[in-house]
Each structure stands twice: as structure tokens, then as C-alpha cells.
């Protein structure tokens, strides 16, 4: 069973990696970057602030940040360092079948040694999940948009031959799970305390 899954993983990354072209390489290189998504993060913070005020916007930003930090730590320190599964780009039996993105200085982009699980997938699914949980007024369009972004980034990792499908799939589960825990057990607690503080403050003003 494990051998079958590994062979399936290898077949998927080879297939996806082969569906390449020079222009798509550049598009995916932008997609897999982190800075290009800053406008999206700022827009999400704006929506949170509009929904509940600047304090809620700050809490939303803190919740997103903590979810990403925790997801990245778990995916890197717990999974990658303990399991130590080589990326396709460092698999001696597979790397010759793959084509790698050429960096400006001529070096091939292959990522670090270990790839299970994908930190990109974990981080982006954490952002998507936390945003969907919190921004309830916008779920109708936010769910497909955020899931599309998370899946697209995850796909780019397979496209470049630096992750298997299982890397991004489990990474996505890790990120989504972390975001749900942060939202339900930390954020809602602080949000409730903030509401109680605001109510107490209003009562004090009314009693003056």
C-alpha cells in the first residue's frame, strides 16, 4: 500500500511538472512567492476592521499571524525534521525526470532537502481557514476565493517539482487544523473578553 502511494505521488509530480512552459514558469514563480499576496492580506484586515472596528482588525491580524507562525513551526520542526522525507527535487530516483526553474543567477530552484509537509500549503490553508471562520459576512465569495488561492499556491509547489501531492495535501490539513484551533480556542476567547470590556466601558460612561 505504501509503495503504491509513493508511486502515485511520483507519477503526479512528474505529470504536473511536465505541464510547463516559459510563461507559465514565470506565473507560477510569482504565485509561489509570498510578497505578491500582501495586498490580499491587507484587504482581509480591512474587511475585518470594517466588520468590527480597528480593534477587531488587530485581533484578526494577530490571529492570522499566530496561525501562520504555528503552522510553519509544526510543518518545519515537527514534520520535516522528524520524518525527513526527501523532496522530489532531491530524490535520486526521480530528480532526473523533473525540470527545475532557473533562477536569475543560473542555479536551479530545488528547495531544501526535506519536503513533508509543505510549509507553503500549511501557511496558506491556515490563512484561508482563519479568514473564512472570521469574516462571516463575506463567506459567500470568500470561501471559493481563499480556497482557490491556497490550492493554486499548493499546485505551484508540485509544478516546480519541490513537493509531492501528499506534501501539500497533509500540509493543507495541518494549516487548516491549526487555524481552527487558534480561532475556536484562542481568538474567540479574546474576542469575548473584548466585547465584555467594551460593554463595561459603555456602562461606566452611561453611569457618569
Protein backbone atom coordinates (compact mmCIF):
# COMPACT_ATOMS: atom_id res chain seq x y z
CA UNK A 1 0.00 0.00 0.00
CA UNK A 2 2.74 2.46 0.97
CA UNK A 3 4.71 1.60 -2.17
CA UNK A 4 1.61 2.20 -4.31
CA UNK A 5 1.00 5.61 -2.69
CA UNK A 6 4.64 6.57 -3.21
CA UNK A 7 4.49 5.56 -6.86
CA UNK A 8 1.27 7.56 -7.26
CA UNK A 9 2.92 10.57 -5.61
CA UNK A 10 5.86 10.29 -8.01
CA UNK A 11 3.59 9.95 -11.05
CA UNK A 12 1.61 13.06 -10.07
CA UNK A 13 4.64 15.30 -9.55
CA UNK A 14 6.23 14.13 -12.82
CA UNK A 15 2.97 14.76 -14.71
CA UNK A 16 2.31 18.20 -13.22
CA UNK A 17 5.94 19.23 -13.62
CA UNK A 18 5.81 18.27 -17.30
CA UNK A 19 2.88 20.61 -17.99
CA UNK A 20 5.21 23.58 -18.21
CA UNK A 21 6.05 26.45 -20.48
CA UNK A 22 8.30 29.54 -20.13
CA UNK A 23 5.40 31.91 -19.50
CA UNK A 24 3.73 29.56 -17.01
CA UNK A 25 7.04 29.20 -15.18
CA UNK A 26 7.05 32.94 -14.52
CA UNK A 27 3.39 32.99 -13.48
CA UNK A 28 3.91 30.15 -11.03
CA UNK A 29 7.08 31.76 -9.69
CA UNK A 30 5.02 34.83 -8.79
CA UNK A 31 2.27 32.66 -7.32
CA UNK A 32 4.66 30.66 -5.13
CA UNK A 33 6.20 33.86 -3.72
CA UNK A 34 4.98 35.45 -0.51
CA UNK A 35 5.20 39.19 -1.17
CA UNK A 36 2.73 39.12 -4.07
CA UNK A 37 -0.06 38.20 -1.64
CA UNK A 38 0.46 41.20 0.68
CA UNK A 39 -2.38 43.18 -0.97
CA UNK A 40 -4.73 40.25 -0.25
CA UNK A 41 -3.67 40.19 3.41
CA UNK A 42 -4.23 43.94 3.73
CA UNK A 43 -7.65 43.60 2.12
CA UNK A 44 -8.62 40.88 4.60
CA UNK A 45 -7.53 43.06 7.51
CA UNK A 46 -9.61 45.90 6.03
CA UNK A 47 -12.67 43.63 5.87
CA UNK A 48 -12.14 42.56 9.48
CA UNK A 49 -11.81 46.18 10.63
CA UNK A 50 -14.91 47.15 8.68
CA UNK A 51 -16.80 44.27 10.25
CA UNK A 52 -15.94 45.06 13.87
CA UNK A 53 -13.72 48.12 14.19
CA UNK A 54 -9.96 48.59 14.29
CA UNK A 55 -9.52 46.55 17.49
CA UNK A 56 -11.15 43.55 15.86
CA UNK A 57 -8.97 44.17 12.81
CA UNK A 58 -5.89 43.97 15.01
CA UNK A 59 -7.13 40.78 16.65
CA UNK A 60 -7.79 39.31 13.22
CA UNK A 61 -4.26 40.23 12.12
CA UNK A 62 -2.84 38.69 15.31
CA UNK A 63 -4.90 35.53 14.79
CA UNK A 64 -3.74 35.16 11.20
CA UNK A 65 -0.13 35.81 12.20
CA UNK A 66 -0.18 33.31 15.05
CA UNK A 67 -1.85 30.67 12.86
CA UNK A 68 0.84 31.07 10.19
CA UNK A 69 3.72 31.05 12.69
CA UNK A 70 2.37 27.94 14.41
CA UNK A 71 1.65 26.17 11.10
CA UNK A 72 5.11 26.97 9.81
CA UNK A 73 6.75 25.77 13.03
CA UNK A 74 4.81 22.50 13.08
CA UNK A 75 5.38 21.78 9.39
CA UNK A 76 9.10 22.55 9.60
CA UNK A 77 10.24 21.43 13.04
CA UNK A 78 7.81 18.61 13.67
CA UNK A 79 7.18 17.02 10.28
CA UNK A 80 10.15 17.87 8.07
CA UNK A 81 12.88 17.43 10.66
CA UNK A 82 11.42 14.30 12.25
CA UNK A 83 10.22 12.46 9.14
CA UNK A 84 13.00 13.69 6.82
CA UNK A 85 11.36 12.69 3.56
CA UNK A 86 13.34 13.99 0.62
CA UNK A 87 11.65 16.33 -1.82
CA UNK A 88 11.15 15.07 -5.39
CA UNK A 89 13.88 17.52 -6.38
CA UNK A 90 16.31 15.70 -4.06
CA UNK A 91 15.10 12.17 -4.76
CA UNK A 92 17.93 10.47 -6.67
CA UNK A 93 15.46 8.11 -8.38
CA UNK A 94 13.21 10.93 -9.53
CA UNK A 95 15.12 14.18 -9.97
CA UNK A 96 16.34 13.32 -13.49
CA UNK A 97 12.71 13.13 -14.65
CA UNK A 98 11.94 16.63 -13.47
CA UNK A 99 12.55 20.08 -14.92
CA UNK A 100 13.52 22.83 -12.48
CA UNK A 101 13.03 26.59 -12.54
CA UNK A 102 16.17 28.51 -13.45
CA UNK A 103 16.95 31.35 -11.05
CA UNK A 104 18.44 34.62 -12.31
CA UNK A 105 21.95 33.58 -11.32
CA UNK A 106 21.67 30.27 -13.18
CA UNK A 107 21.04 27.99 -10.23
CA UNK A 108 18.12 25.58 -10.28
CA UNK A 109 15.39 26.06 -7.69
CA UNK A 110 15.06 22.81 -5.74
CA UNK A 111 14.15 23.89 -2.21
CA UNK A 112 15.58 22.40 0.97
CA UNK A 113 16.29 18.72 1.45
CA UNK A 114 13.04 17.65 3.11
CA UNK A 115 9.51 18.33 1.91
CA UNK A 116 6.95 16.54 4.09
CA UNK A 117 4.92 18.57 4.80
CA UNK A 118 4.69 21.68 2.62
CA UNK A 119 5.01 24.85 4.69
CA UNK A 120 3.51 26.86 1.82
CA UNK A 121 0.38 24.71 1.85
CA UNK A 122 0.16 24.78 5.65
CA UNK A 123 0.53 28.56 5.82
CA UNK A 124 -1.91 29.42 3.04
CA UNK A 125 -4.56 26.98 4.21
CA UNK A 126 -4.18 28.45 7.70
CA UNK A 127 -4.81 31.93 6.31
CA UNK A 128 -7.75 30.71 4.22
CA UNK A 129 -9.37 28.80 7.09
CA UNK A 130 -8.99 31.56 9.67
CA UNK A 131 -10.34 34.16 7.25
CA UNK A 132 -13.34 32.02 6.33
CA UNK A 133 -14.13 31.38 10.01
CA UNK A 134 -13.93 35.02 10.97
CA UNK A 135 -15.24 37.01 8.00
CA UNK A 136 -18.73 35.55 8.20
CA UNK A 137 -20.40 38.39 6.27
CA UNK A 138 -18.30 37.62 3.20
CA UNK A 139 -18.27 33.81 3.20
CA UNK A 140 -20.32 33.53 0.02
CA UNK A 141 -17.43 34.77 -2.13
CA UNK A 142 -14.58 34.42 0.36
CA UNK A 143 -14.72 30.61 0.55
CA UNK A 144 -14.07 30.00 -3.19
CA UNK A 145 -11.52 32.83 -3.44
CA UNK A 146 -9.42 31.81 -0.43
CA UNK A 147 -9.56 28.10 -1.29
CA UNK A 148 -8.56 28.91 -4.87
CA UNK A 149 -5.54 30.88 -3.64
CA UNK A 150 -4.46 28.13 -1.23
CA UNK A 151 -4.88 25.40 -3.86
CA UNK A 152 -3.08 27.48 -6.51
CA UNK A 153 -0.08 28.07 -4.25
CA UNK A 154 -0.02 24.37 -3.35
CA UNK A 155 -0.19 23.44 -7.04
CA UNK A 156 2.77 25.71 -7.77
CA UNK A 157 4.88 23.69 -5.32
CA UNK A 158 4.15 20.47 -7.23
CA UNK A 159 4.64 22.30 -10.53
CA UNK A 160 8.20 23.24 -9.57
CA UNK A 161 8.96 19.68 -8.52
CA UNK A 162 9.74 20.60 -4.93
CA UNK A 163 6.76 18.81 -3.33
CA UNK A 164 4.68 15.70 -3.77
CA UNK A 165 0.88 15.83 -3.73
CA UNK A 166 0.89 14.21 -0.28
CA UNK A 167 3.20 17.00 0.97
CA UNK A 168 0.72 19.73 0.07
CA UNK A 169 -2.37 17.68 1.00
CA UNK A 170 -1.20 16.93 4.53
CA UNK A 171 0.30 20.41 4.80
CA UNK A 172 -3.11 21.87 3.96
CA UNK A 173 -4.74 19.73 6.66
CA UNK A 174 -2.13 20.88 9.19
CA UNK A 175 -2.68 24.55 8.36
CA UNK A 176 -6.47 24.27 8.40
CA UNK A 177 -6.38 22.36 11.69
CA UNK A 178 -4.09 24.89 13.35
CA UNK A 179 -6.28 27.79 12.19
CA UNK A 180 -9.43 26.13 13.55
CA UNK A 181 -7.78 25.58 16.92
CA UNK A 182 -6.45 29.14 17.08
CA UNK A 183 -9.83 30.57 16.09
CA UNK A 184 -12.03 28.44 18.34
CA UNK A 185 -9.85 28.24 21.46
CA UNK A 186 -7.84 31.46 21.42
CA UNK A 187 -9.39 34.09 19.19
CA UNK A 188 -13.00 33.64 20.33
CA UNK A 189 -11.81 33.86 23.96
CA UNK A 190 -10.08 37.20 23.36
CA UNK A 191 -12.98 38.41 21.21
CA UNK A 192 -15.42 37.65 24.05
CA UNK A 193 -13.19 39.47 26.54
CA UNK A 194 -13.01 42.46 24.19
CA UNK A 195 -16.80 42.57 23.93
CA UNK A 196 -17.17 42.38 27.73
CA UNK A 197 -14.62 45.17 28.11
CA UNK A 198 -16.47 47.36 25.61
CA UNK A 199 -19.82 46.70 27.31
CA UNK A 200 -18.37 47.55 30.73
CA UNK A 201 -16.84 50.71 29.34
CA UNK A 202 -20.18 51.80 27.84
CA UNK A 203 -21.97 51.16 31.14
CA UNK A 204 -19.41 53.25 33.01
CA UNK A 205 -19.92 56.12 30.59
CA UNK A 206 -23.68 55.86 30.95
CA UNK A 207 -23.46 55.95 34.78
CA UNK A 208 -21.44 59.17 34.81
